Amino acid sequence: MKHSRKITLLLLLLFILAQCIGLGILYQYIDPIQTSETGETTFKDLPIGERPPIEETTSYIPIILAIIIGTVIMLFLIKRQITWLWKLWFLIAVVLALTIAFGAFVSSFIAFGGALILGIWKIFKPNFIIQTGTEMFVYGGLAAIFVPLFSIFSISILIVLIALYDAYAVWKSKHMITLAKSQTKAKVFAGLLIPYAVGKKKEDTKTKITKITKLSVSTKVKVRTALLGGGDIGFPLIFAGVVLKEFGLWQSFIIPIFAALGLAVLLYIGKPKKFYPAMPFIGTGCFVGLGVMLLLQLFV
């Protein structure tokens, strides 16, 4: 196994929790009146403004281009060691995503205030609780932006492209590994970051509590850490969100189950201290879940 049993179970639990919270946020953005009148799922406006005007059938094209351009910029900032700009960019993205996520339940003013406080805390005083807690909501905010822009066809194409890109970036160019290591070192990691001491008994962690609190994963402090990138959480959530939009609520919850099973396969066959692309496994789980959901619809 790639990680210990406790860490593996915690990682899978947090993955599923993030998917469920994200679907809950997305469901709150559905406009029930407009949906009943038009017969098609209609979403409310976002607290930050209108969604980008992108055609559903080809929406995967600008998204994949944005990912490539963003990756190039990130690698440039890492090479030039422009950490302050990197952190500012990350802070803005986190605050916007959290504002949208919280805005599904409270007023825009309160949502922004809470998002700003948590975003600053996450960037400048990170710890395991604030890192994990904010990650549970960030992807729901992103899903609320992107799900209305996709159809089942276009999100399927995107998942395939992302899986291929992930495999290339980890196994061939290895720039995804560079990004992951640089993010953890700068303490601005987008995704789940679980220090191994979290899964140990209390008496074994007394001497490491400071390391956990500060998320110390640099070369100065040797704390083994389980990582799961933000894209590995966000893309299956968007896929499940599109299923929610086009098929229904209960159908959408089938996707996270099989996406988690795909992740579980990777964690089971993976070797410790090696990097693997998760999206080929998670993406396969998404498609299997879609197939199971379509079969179930025949009998429900």
C-alpha atoms as a PDB file:
ATOM      1  CA  MET A   1       0.000   0.000   0.000  1.00  0.00           C
ATOM      2  CA  LYS A   2       1.078   3.544  -0.669  1.00  0.00           C
ATOM      3  CA  HIS A   3       0.102   4.687   2.842  1.00  0.00           C
ATOM      4  CA  SER A   4      -0.742   3.102   6.161  1.00  0.00           C
ATOM      5  CA  ARG A   5      -4.261   1.764   6.623  1.00  0.00           C
ATOM      6  CA  LYS A   6      -5.305   4.631   8.908  1.00  0.00           C
ATOM      7  CA  ILE A   7      -3.978   7.316   6.597  1.00  0.00           C
ATOM      8  CA  THR A   8      -5.558   5.614   3.578  1.00  0.00           C
ATOM      9  CA  LEU A   9      -8.971   5.450   5.252  1.00  0.00           C
ATOM     10  CA  LEU A  10      -8.680   9.083   6.387  1.00  0.00           C
ATOM     11  CA  LEU A  11      -7.713  10.199   2.890  1.00  0.00           C
ATOM     12  CA  LEU A  12     -10.663   8.347   1.339  1.00  0.00           C
ATOM     13  CA  LEU A  13     -13.054   9.665   3.987  1.00  0.00           C
ATOM     14  CA  LEU A  14     -11.974  13.263   3.388  1.00  0.00           C
ATOM     15  CA  PHE A  15     -12.208  12.762  -0.377  1.00  0.00           C
ATOM     16  CA  ILE A  16     -15.805  11.528  -0.125  1.00  0.00           C
ATOM     17  CA  LEU A  17     -16.681  14.248   2.394  1.00  0.00           C
ATOM     18  CA  ALA A  18     -15.391  16.949   0.045  1.00  0.00           C
ATOM     19  CA  GLN A  19     -17.484  15.460  -2.786  1.00  0.00           C
ATOM     20  CA  CYS A  20     -20.649  15.378  -0.659  1.00  0.00           C
ATOM     21  CA  ILE A  21     -20.167  18.914   0.678  1.00  0.00           C
ATOM     22  CA  GLY A  22     -19.484  20.117  -2.862  1.00  0.00           C
ATOM     23  CA  LEU A  23     -22.676  18.547  -4.191  1.00  0.00           C
ATOM     24  CA  GLY A  24     -24.591  20.095  -1.288  1.00  0.00           C
ATOM     25  CA  ILE A  25     -23.218  23.540  -2.153  1.00  0.00           C
ATOM     26  CA  LEU A  26     -24.023  23.046  -5.824  1.00  0.00           C
ATOM     27  CA  TYR A  27     -27.566  21.914  -5.027  1.00  0.00           C
ATOM     28  CA  GLN A  28     -28.153  25.142  -3.088  1.00  0.00           C
ATOM     29  CA  TYR A  29     -27.349  27.125  -6.221  1.00  0.00           C
ATOM     30  CA  ILE A  30     -30.114  25.457  -8.243  1.00  0.00           C
ATOM     31  CA  ASP A  31     -33.011  27.841  -8.857  1.00  0.00           C
ATOM     32  CA  PRO A  32     -36.123  25.703  -8.156  1.00  0.00           C
ATOM     33  CA  ILE A  33     -38.590  28.144  -9.740  1.00  0.00           C
ATOM     34  CA  GLN A  34     -36.705  28.588 -13.007  1.00  0.00           C
ATOM     35  CA  THR A  35     -35.940  24.877 -13.120  1.00  0.00           C
ATOM     36  CA  SER A  36     -39.609  23.923 -12.761  1.00  0.00           C
ATOM     37  CA  GLU A  37     -40.667  26.472 -15.380  1.00  0.00           C
ATOM     38  CA  THR A  38     -38.085  25.549 -18.017  1.00  0.00           C
ATOM     39  CA  GLY A  39     -37.763  21.834 -17.261  1.00  0.00           C
ATOM     40  CA  GLU A  40     -33.974  22.202 -17.298  1.00  0.00           C
ATOM     41  CA  THR A  41     -31.687  22.689 -14.314  1.00  0.00           C
ATOM     42  CA  THR A  42     -31.078  26.418 -13.897  1.00  0.00           C
ATOM     43  CA  PHE A  43     -28.502  27.869 -11.508  1.00  0.00           C
ATOM     44  CA  LYS A  44     -28.638  31.063  -9.490  1.00  0.00           C
ATOM     45  CA  ASP A  45     -26.122  33.848  -9.989  1.00  0.00           C
ATOM     46  CA  LEU A  46     -22.882  33.720  -8.028  1.00  0.00           C
ATOM     47  CA  PRO A  47     -21.965  36.215  -5.268  1.00  0.00           C
ATOM     48  CA  ILE A  48     -18.966  37.326  -7.347  1.00  0.00           C
ATOM     49  CA  GLY A  49     -20.879  37.933 -10.582  1.00  0.00           C
ATOM     50  CA  GLU A  50     -21.804  36.084 -13.749  1.00  0.00           C
ATOM     51  CA  ARG A  51     -20.171  32.880 -14.934  1.00  0.00           C
ATOM     52  CA  PRO A  52     -17.961  33.107 -18.043  1.00  0.00           C
ATOM     53  CA  PRO A  53     -19.977  32.825 -21.284  1.00  0.00           C
ATOM     54  CA  ILE A  54     -18.675  29.482 -22.557  1.00  0.00           C
ATOM     55  CA  GLU A  55     -20.442  27.083 -24.891  1.00  0.00           C
ATOM     56  CA  GLU A  56     -21.271  23.791 -23.123  1.00  0.00           C
ATOM     57  CA  THR A  57     -20.244  21.461 -25.930  1.00  0.00           C
ATOM     58  CA  THR A  58     -16.744  22.951 -26.251  1.00  0.00           C
ATOM     59  CA  SER A  59     -16.174  24.208 -22.700  1.00  0.00           C
ATOM     60  CA  TYR A  60     -13.380  21.687 -22.146  1.00  0.00           C
ATOM     61  CA  ILE A  61     -11.160  23.576 -24.625  1.00  0.00           C
ATOM     62  CA  PRO A  62     -10.763  26.893 -22.728  1.00  0.00           C
ATOM     63  CA  ILE A  63     -10.569  25.015 -19.418  1.00  0.00           C
ATOM     64  CA  ILE A  64      -7.709  22.763 -20.516  1.00  0.00           C
ATOM     65  CA  LEU A  65      -5.925  25.755 -22.058  1.00  0.00           C
ATOM     66  CA  ALA A  66      -6.318  27.693 -18.802  1.00  0.00           C
ATOM     67  CA  ILE A  67      -4.847  24.756 -16.865  1.00  0.00           C
ATOM     68  CA  ILE A  68      -1.811  24.586 -19.164  1.00  0.00           C
ATOM     69  CA  ILE A  69      -1.244  28.343 -19.039  1.00  0.00           C
ATOM     70  CA  GLY A  70      -1.664  28.364 -15.251  1.00  0.00           C
ATOM     71  CA  THR A  71       0.843  25.523 -14.906  1.00  0.00           C
ATOM     72  CA  VAL A  72       3.403  27.393 -17.026  1.00  0.00           C
ATOM     73  CA  ILE A  73       2.970  30.509 -14.882  1.00  0.00           C
ATOM     74  CA  MET A  74       3.312  28.476 -11.678  1.00  0.00           C
ATOM     75  CA  LEU A  75       6.512  26.821 -12.908  1.00  0.00           C
ATOM     76  CA  PHE A  76       7.892  30.239 -13.853  1.00  0.00           C
ATOM     77  CA  LEU A  77       7.138  31.638 -10.392  1.00  0.00           C
ATOM     78  CA  ILE A  78       8.753  28.601  -8.787  1.00  0.00           C
ATOM     79  CA  LYS A  79      11.876  28.885 -10.922  1.00  0.00           C
ATOM     80  CA  ARG A  80      12.174  32.608 -10.183  1.00  0.00           C
ATOM     81  CA  GLN A  81      11.263  32.025  -6.525  1.00  0.00           C
ATOM     82  CA  ILE A  82       8.612  34.770  -6.608  1.00  0.00           C
ATOM     83  CA  THR A  83       6.845  33.313  -3.598  1.00  0.00           C
ATOM     84  CA  TRP A  84       4.906  36.450  -2.625  1.00  0.00           C
ATOM     85  CA  LEU A  85       3.126  36.645  -5.991  1.00  0.00           C
ATOM     86  CA  TRP A  86       2.407  32.925  -5.852  1.00  0.00           C
ATOM     87  CA  LYS A  87       0.857  33.262  -2.392  1.00  0.00           C
ATOM     88  CA  LEU A  88      -1.181  36.318  -3.452  1.00  0.00           C
ATOM     89  CA  TRP A  89      -2.560  34.444  -6.470  1.00  0.00           C
ATOM     90  CA  PHE A  90      -3.396  31.459  -4.284  1.00  0.00           C
ATOM     91  CA  LEU A  91      -5.041  33.694  -1.647  1.00  0.00           C
ATOM     92  CA  ILE A  92      -7.296  35.361  -4.212  1.00  0.00           C
ATOM     93  CA  ALA A  93      -8.350  31.993  -5.643  1.00  0.00           C
ATOM     94  CA  VAL A  94      -9.104  30.555  -2.188  1.00  0.00           C
ATOM     95  CA  VAL A  95     -11.091  33.604  -1.060  1.00  0.00           C
ATOM     96  CA  LEU A  96     -13.178  33.635  -4.248  1.00  0.00           C
ATOM     97  CA  ALA A  97     -13.918  29.898  -4.042  1.00  0.00           C
ATOM     98  CA  LEU A  98     -14.821  30.059  -0.342  1.00  0.00           C
ATOM     99  CA  THR A  99     -16.993  33.144  -0.905  1.00  0.00           C
ATOM    100  CA  ILE A 100     -19.006  31.214  -3.489  1.00  0.00           C
ATOM    101  CA  ALA A 101     -19.191  28.130  -1.254  1.00  0.00           C
ATOM    102  CA  PHE A 102     -20.353  30.049   1.820  1.00  0.00           C
ATOM    103  CA  GLY A 103     -22.607  32.258  -0.317  1.00  0.00           C
ATOM    104  CA  ALA A 104     -24.826  29.233  -0.940  1.00  0.00           C
ATOM    105  CA  PHE A 105     -25.949  29.434   2.706  1.00  0.00           C
ATOM    106  CA  VAL A 106     -25.373  32.995   3.968  1.00  0.00           C
ATOM    107  CA  SER A 107     -25.345  36.542   2.602  1.00  0.00           C
ATOM    108  CA  SER A 108     -22.578  37.610   0.237  1.00  0.00           C
ATOM    109  CA  PHE A 109     -21.151  40.027   2.835  1.00  0.00           C
ATOM    110  CA  ILE A 110     -20.849  37.361   5.535  1.00  0.00           C
ATOM    111  CA  ALA A 111     -19.561  34.828   3.005  1.00  0.00           C
ATOM    112  CA  PHE A 112     -16.797  37.157   1.840  1.00  0.00           C
ATOM    113  CA  GLY A 113     -15.827  38.122   5.385  1.00  0.00           C
ATOM    114  CA  GLY A 114     -15.530  34.507   6.471  1.00  0.00           C
ATOM    115  CA  ALA A 115     -13.695  33.552   3.283  1.00  0.00           C
ATOM    116  CA  LEU A 116     -11.196  36.392   3.695  1.00  0.00           C
ATOM    117  CA  ILE A 117     -10.407  35.475   7.307  1.00  0.00           C
ATOM    118  CA  LEU A 118     -10.021  31.780   6.553  1.00  0.00           C
ATOM    119  CA  GLY A 119      -8.053  32.474   3.375  1.00  0.00           C
ATOM    120  CA  ILE A 120      -5.504  34.649   5.182  1.00  0.00           C
ATOM    121  CA  TRP A 121      -5.292  32.099   7.993  1.00  0.00           C
ATOM    122  CA  LYS A 122      -4.783  29.280   5.486  1.00  0.00           C
ATOM    123  CA  ILE A 123      -1.965  31.067   3.649  1.00  0.00           C
ATOM    124  CA  PHE A 124      -0.052  32.724   6.476  1.00  0.00           C
ATOM    125  CA  LYS A 125      -0.747  30.547   9.568  1.00  0.00           C
ATOM    126  CA  PRO A 126      -1.544  27.099   8.167  1.00  0.00           C
ATOM    127  CA  ASN A 127      -2.261  24.037  10.256  1.00  0.00           C
ATOM    128  CA  PHE A 128      -3.861  20.678   9.605  1.00  0.00           C
ATOM    129  CA  ILE A 129      -7.361  21.729  10.700  1.00  0.00           C
ATOM    130  CA  ILE A 130      -7.556  24.978   8.716  1.00  0.00           C
ATOM    131  CA  GLN A 131      -5.943  23.362   5.644  1.00  0.00           C
ATOM    132  CA  THR A 132      -8.341  20.422   5.649  1.00  0.00           C
ATOM    133  CA  GLY A 133     -11.414  22.428   6.669  1.00  0.00           C
ATOM    134  CA  THR A 134     -11.080  24.991   3.882  1.00  0.00           C
ATOM    135  CA  GLU A 135     -10.338  22.290   1.304  1.00  0.00           C
ATOM    136  CA  MET A 136     -13.693  20.685   2.119  1.00  0.00           C
ATOM    137  CA  PHE A 137     -15.471  23.812   0.814  1.00  0.00           C
ATOM    138  CA  VAL A 138     -13.152  25.238  -1.853  1.00  0.00           C
ATOM    139  CA  TYR A 139     -14.090  22.686  -4.506  1.00  0.00           C
ATOM    140  CA  GLY A 140     -17.804  23.183  -3.957  1.00  0.00           C
ATOM    141  CA  GLY A 141     -17.260  26.855  -4.780  1.00  0.00           C
ATOM    142  CA  LEU A 142     -15.342  25.951  -7.917  1.00  0.00           C
ATOM    143  CA  ALA A 143     -18.031  23.449  -8.928  1.00  0.00           C
ATOM    144  CA  ALA A 144     -20.678  26.170  -8.622  1.00  0.00           C
ATOM    145  CA  ILE A 145     -18.721  28.154 -11.216  1.00  0.00           C
ATOM    146  CA  PHE A 146     -17.927  25.415 -13.703  1.00  0.00           C
ATOM    147  CA  VAL A 147     -20.708  22.807 -13.568  1.00  0.00           C
ATOM    148  CA  PRO A 148     -23.255  24.994 -15.455  1.00  0.00           C
ATOM    149  CA  LEU A 149     -20.689  25.361 -18.258  1.00  0.00           C
ATOM    150  CA  PHE A 150     -20.493  21.630 -19.020  1.00  0.00           C
ATOM    151  CA  SER A 151     -22.582  18.885 -20.570  1.00  0.00           C
ATOM    152  CA  ILE A 152     -21.976  15.183 -19.974  1.00  0.00           C
ATOM    153  CA  PHE A 153     -20.134  15.042 -23.296  1.00  0.00           C
ATOM    154  CA  SER A 154     -17.816  17.974 -22.614  1.00  0.00           C
ATOM    155  CA  ILE A 155     -17.026  17.002 -19.002  1.00  0.00           C
ATOM    156  CA  SER A 156     -16.254  13.458 -20.181  1.00  0.00           C
ATOM    157  CA  ILE A 157     -13.797  14.813 -22.732  1.00  0.00           C
ATOM    158  CA  LEU A 158     -12.222  17.017 -20.052  1.00  0.00           C
ATOM    159  CA  ILE A 159     -11.817  14.100 -17.620  1.00  0.00           C
ATOM    160  CA  VAL A 160     -10.083  12.028 -20.311  1.00  0.00           C
ATOM    161  CA  LEU A 161      -7.756  14.910 -21.233  1.00  0.00           C
ATOM    162  CA  ILE A 162      -6.956  15.651 -17.592  1.00  0.00           C
ATOM    163  CA  ALA A 163      -6.191  11.973 -16.920  1.00  0.00           C
ATOM    164  CA  LEU A 164      -3.786  11.881 -19.880  1.00  0.00           C
ATOM    165  CA  TYR A 165      -2.220  15.176 -18.840  1.00  0.00           C
ATOM    166  CA  ASP A 166      -1.845  13.990 -15.242  1.00  0.00           C
ATOM    167  CA  ALA A 167      -0.111  10.794 -16.351  1.00  0.00           C
ATOM    168  CA  TYR A 168       2.267  12.755 -18.595  1.00  0.00           C
ATOM    169  CA  ALA A 169       2.976  15.402 -15.934  1.00  0.00           C
ATOM    170  CA  VAL A 170       3.844  12.808 -13.274  1.00  0.00           C
ATOM    171  CA  TRP A 171       5.484   9.984 -15.222  1.00  0.00           C
ATOM    172  CA  LYS A 172       7.078  11.802 -18.171  1.00  0.00           C
ATOM    173  CA  SER A 173       7.806  15.507 -17.622  1.00  0.00           C
ATOM    174  CA  LYS A 174       7.522  15.166 -13.812  1.00  0.00           C
ATOM    175  CA  HIS A 175       6.623  18.861 -13.516  1.00  0.00           C
ATOM    176  CA  MET A 176       3.574  17.919 -11.426  1.00  0.00           C
ATOM    177  CA  ILE A 177       5.955  16.477  -8.835  1.00  0.00           C
ATOM    178  CA  THR A 178       7.898  19.742  -8.869  1.00  0.00           C
ATOM    179  CA  LEU A 179       4.682  21.680  -8.304  1.00  0.00           C
ATOM    180  CA  ALA A 180       3.593  19.424  -5.427  1.00  0.00           C
ATOM    181  CA  LYS A 181       6.949  19.623  -3.649  1.00  0.00           C
ATOM    182  CA  SER A 182       7.179  23.389  -4.130  1.00  0.00           C
ATOM    183  CA  GLN A 183       3.643  23.937  -2.841  1.00  0.00           C
ATOM    184  CA  THR A 184       4.200  21.879   0.295  1.00  0.00           C
ATOM    185  CA  LYS A 185       7.503  23.610   0.964  1.00  0.00           C
ATOM    186  CA  ALA A 186       5.857  27.037   0.580  1.00  0.00           C
ATOM    187  CA  LYS A 187       2.864  25.836   2.660  1.00  0.00           C
ATOM    188  CA  VAL A 188       0.335  26.822  -0.010  1.00  0.00           C
ATOM    189  CA  PHE A 189      -0.684  23.346  -1.110  1.00  0.00           C
ATOM    190  CA  ALA A 190      -3.944  23.002  -3.046  1.00  0.00           C
ATOM    191  CA  GLY A 191      -5.396  19.702  -1.883  1.00  0.00           C
ATOM    192  CA  LEU A 192      -5.311  17.349   1.081  1.00  0.00           C
ATOM    193  CA  LEU A 193      -2.138  17.300   3.140  1.00  0.00           C
ATOM    194  CA  ILE A 194      -2.103  14.739   5.952  1.00  0.00           C
ATOM    195  CA  PRO A 195       1.023  14.405   8.132  1.00  0.00           C
ATOM    196  CA  TYR A 196       1.546  10.792   9.190  1.00  0.00           C
ATOM    197  CA  ALA A 197       1.573  11.757  12.860  1.00  0.00           C
ATOM    198  CA  VAL A 198      -2.163  12.472  12.537  1.00  0.00           C
ATOM    199  CA  GLY A 199      -2.756   8.753  12.179  1.00  0.00           C
ATOM    200  CA  LYS A 200      -0.613   7.806  15.189  1.00  0.00           C
ATOM    201  CA  LYS A 201      -1.582   7.326  18.796  1.00  0.00           C
ATOM    202  CA  LYS A 202      -1.537  10.307  21.109  1.00  0.00           C
ATOM    203  CA  GLU A 203       1.499   9.153  23.067  1.00  0.00           C
ATOM    204  CA  ASP A 204       3.454   8.790  19.810  1.00  0.00           C
ATOM    205  CA  THR A 205       2.695  12.334  18.674  1.00  0.00           C
ATOM    206  CA  LYS A 206       3.557  14.459  21.718  1.00  0.00           C
ATOM    207  CA  THR A 207       6.981  15.304  20.338  1.00  0.00           C
ATOM    208  CA  LYS A 208       5.542  16.018  16.879  1.00  0.00           C
ATOM    209  CA  ILE A 209       2.559  18.189  17.721  1.00  0.00           C
ATOM    210  CA  THR A 210       4.397  21.363  16.770  1.00  0.00           C
ATOM    211  CA  LYS A 211       5.366  19.857  13.436  1.00  0.00           C
ATOM    212  CA  ILE A 212       1.762  18.882  12.678  1.00  0.00           C
ATOM    213  CA  THR A 213       0.403  22.272  13.692  1.00  0.00           C
ATOM    214  CA  LYS A 214       2.789  24.059  11.376  1.00  0.00           C
ATOM    215  CA  LEU A 215       2.452  21.533   8.550  1.00  0.00           C
ATOM    216  CA  SER A 216       6.230  21.197   8.455  1.00  0.00           C
ATOM    217  CA  VAL A 217       7.049  19.199   5.345  1.00  0.00           C
ATOM    218  CA  SER A 218      10.304  20.838   4.347  1.00  0.00           C
ATOM    219  CA  THR A 219      13.625  19.048   4.223  1.00  0.00           C
ATOM    220  CA  LYS A 220      14.459  20.396   7.656  1.00  0.00           C
ATOM    221  CA  VAL A 221      11.720  18.344   9.315  1.00  0.00           C
ATOM    222  CA  LYS A 222      11.265  14.793   8.122  1.00  0.00           C
ATOM    223  CA  VAL A 223       7.533  14.230   8.545  1.00  0.00           C
ATOM    224  CA  ARG A 224       6.043  11.795   6.070  1.00  0.00           C
ATOM    225  CA  THR A 225       2.929  13.281   4.502  1.00  0.00           C
ATOM    226  CA  ALA A 226       0.058  11.917   2.424  1.00  0.00           C
ATOM    227  CA  LEU A 227      -0.883  14.227  -0.459  1.00  0.00           C
ATOM    228  CA  LEU A 228      -3.889  14.409  -2.763  1.00  0.00           C
ATOM    229  CA  GLY A 229      -3.912  17.251  -5.279  1.00  0.00           C
ATOM    230  CA  GLY A 230      -6.784  19.671  -5.575  1.00  0.00           C
ATOM    231  CA  GLY A 231      -7.517  18.638  -9.150  1.00  0.00           C
ATOM    232  CA  ASP A 232      -7.992  15.056  -7.976  1.00  0.00           C
ATOM    233  CA  ILE A 233     -10.840  16.346  -5.793  1.00  0.00           C
ATOM    234  CA  GLY A 234     -12.230  19.091  -7.990  1.00  0.00           C
ATOM    235  CA  PHE A 235     -12.576  17.339 -11.359  1.00  0.00           C
ATOM    236  CA  PRO A 236     -14.585  14.327 -10.124  1.00  0.00           C
ATOM    237  CA  LEU A 237     -16.785  16.766  -8.195  1.00  0.00           C
ATOM    238  CA  ILE A 238     -17.473  18.751 -11.368  1.00  0.00           C
ATOM    239  CA  PHE A 239     -18.248  15.465 -13.147  1.00  0.00           C
ATOM    240  CA  ALA A 240     -20.688  14.526 -10.361  1.00  0.00           C
ATOM    241  CA  GLY A 241     -22.143  18.031 -10.518  1.00  0.00           C
ATOM    242  CA  VAL A 242     -22.891  17.694 -14.223  1.00  0.00           C
ATOM    243  CA  VAL A 243     -24.615  14.383 -13.457  1.00  0.00           C
ATOM    244  CA  LEU A 244     -26.653  16.261 -10.835  1.00  0.00           C
ATOM    245  CA  LYS A 245     -27.555  18.894 -13.418  1.00  0.00           C
ATOM    246  CA  GLU A 246     -28.590  16.480 -16.155  1.00  0.00           C
ATOM    247  CA  PHE A 247     -29.958  13.488 -14.205  1.00  0.00           C
ATOM    248  CA  GLY A 248     -30.734  14.324 -10.575  1.00  0.00           C
ATOM    249  CA  LEU A 249     -29.500  14.464  -6.989  1.00  0.00           C
ATOM    250  CA  TRP A 250     -29.391  10.792  -6.027  1.00  0.00           C
ATOM    251  CA  GLN A 251     -27.752   9.916  -9.323  1.00  0.00           C
ATOM    252  CA  SER A 252     -24.923  12.368  -8.639  1.00  0.00           C
ATOM    253  CA  PHE A 253     -23.959  10.720  -5.343  1.00  0.00           C
ATOM    254  CA  ILE A 254     -23.115   7.497  -7.185  1.00  0.00           C
ATOM    255  CA  ILE A 255     -20.140   9.182  -8.863  1.00  0.00           C
ATOM    256  CA  PRO A 256     -18.145   9.962  -5.664  1.00  0.00           C
ATOM    257  CA  ILE A 257     -18.522   6.346  -4.520  1.00  0.00           C
ATOM    258  CA  PHE A 258     -16.878   4.959  -7.632  1.00  0.00           C
ATOM    259  CA  ALA A 259     -14.379   7.827  -7.868  1.00  0.00           C
ATOM    260  CA  ALA A 260     -13.306   6.948  -4.311  1.00  0.00           C
ATOM    261  CA  LEU A 261     -13.029   3.286  -5.321  1.00  0.00           C
ATOM    262  CA  GLY A 262     -10.721   4.309  -8.165  1.00  0.00           C
ATOM    263  CA  LEU A 263      -8.605   6.277  -5.696  1.00  0.00           C
ATOM    264  CA  ALA A 264      -8.652   3.311  -3.308  1.00  0.00           C
ATOM    265  CA  VAL A 265      -7.235   1.054  -6.037  1.00  0.00           C
ATOM    266  CA  LEU A 266      -4.356   3.469  -6.567  1.00  0.00           C
ATOM    267  CA  LEU A 267      -3.632   3.715  -2.849  1.00  0.00           C
ATOM    268  CA  TYR A 268      -3.704  -0.075  -2.567  1.00  0.00           C
ATOM    269  CA  ILE A 269      -1.364  -0.869  -5.469  1.00  0.00           C
ATOM    270  CA  GLY A 270       0.862   2.187  -5.023  1.00  0.00           C
ATOM    271  CA  LYS A 271       4.268   1.972  -3.368  1.00  0.00           C
ATOM    272  CA  PRO A 272       5.332   4.199  -0.443  1.00  0.00           C
ATOM    273  CA  LYS A 273       7.185   7.457  -1.163  1.00  0.00           C
ATOM    274  CA  LYS A 274       6.450   7.338  -4.895  1.00  0.00           C
ATOM    275  CA  PHE A 275       4.347   9.783  -6.888  1.00  0.00           C
ATOM    276  CA  TYR A 276       1.443   8.551  -8.998  1.00  0.00           C
ATOM    277  CA  PRO A 277      -1.108  10.312 -11.235  1.00  0.00           C
ATOM    278  CA  ALA A 278      -4.456   9.905  -9.493  1.00  0.00           C
ATOM    279  CA  MET A 279      -6.778  11.135 -12.238  1.00  0.00           C
ATOM    280  CA  PRO A 280      -6.474   8.050 -14.492  1.00  0.00           C
ATOM    281  CA  PHE A 281      -7.790   5.972 -11.569  1.00  0.00           C
ATOM    282  CA  ILE A 282     -10.330   8.502 -10.309  1.00  0.00           C
ATOM    283  CA  GLY A 283     -11.486   9.304 -13.849  1.00  0.00           C
ATOM    284  CA  THR A 284     -12.032   5.622 -14.560  1.00  0.00           C
ATOM    285  CA  GLY A 285     -14.093   5.434 -11.382  1.00  0.00           C
ATOM    286  CA  CYS A 286     -16.197   8.375 -12.582  1.00  0.00           C
ATOM    287  CA  PHE A 287     -17.028   6.629 -15.862  1.00  0.00           C
ATOM    288  CA  VAL A 288     -17.792   3.341 -14.140  1.00  0.00           C
ATOM    289  CA  GLY A 289     -20.074   5.255 -11.762  1.00  0.00           C
ATOM    290  CA  LEU A 290     -21.796   6.911 -14.717  1.00  0.00           C
ATOM    291  CA  GLY A 291     -22.404   3.505 -16.293  1.00  0.00           C
ATOM    292  CA  VAL A 292     -23.788   2.076 -13.062  1.00  0.00           C
ATOM    293  CA  MET A 293     -26.023   5.114 -12.641  1.00  0.00           C
ATOM    294  CA  LEU A 294     -27.433   4.734 -16.159  1.00  0.00           C
ATOM    295  CA  LEU A 295     -28.133   1.038 -15.499  1.00  0.00           C
ATOM    296  CA  LEU A 296     -29.871   1.845 -12.223  1.00  0.00           C
ATOM    297  CA  GLN A 297     -32.074   4.372 -13.978  1.00  0.00           C
ATOM    298  CA  LEU A 298     -33.513   1.531 -16.029  1.00  0.00           C
ATOM    299  CA  PHE A 299     -34.845  -0.125 -12.876  1.00  0.00           C
ATOM    300  CA  VAL A 300     -35.803   2.914 -10.752  1.00  0.00           C
END
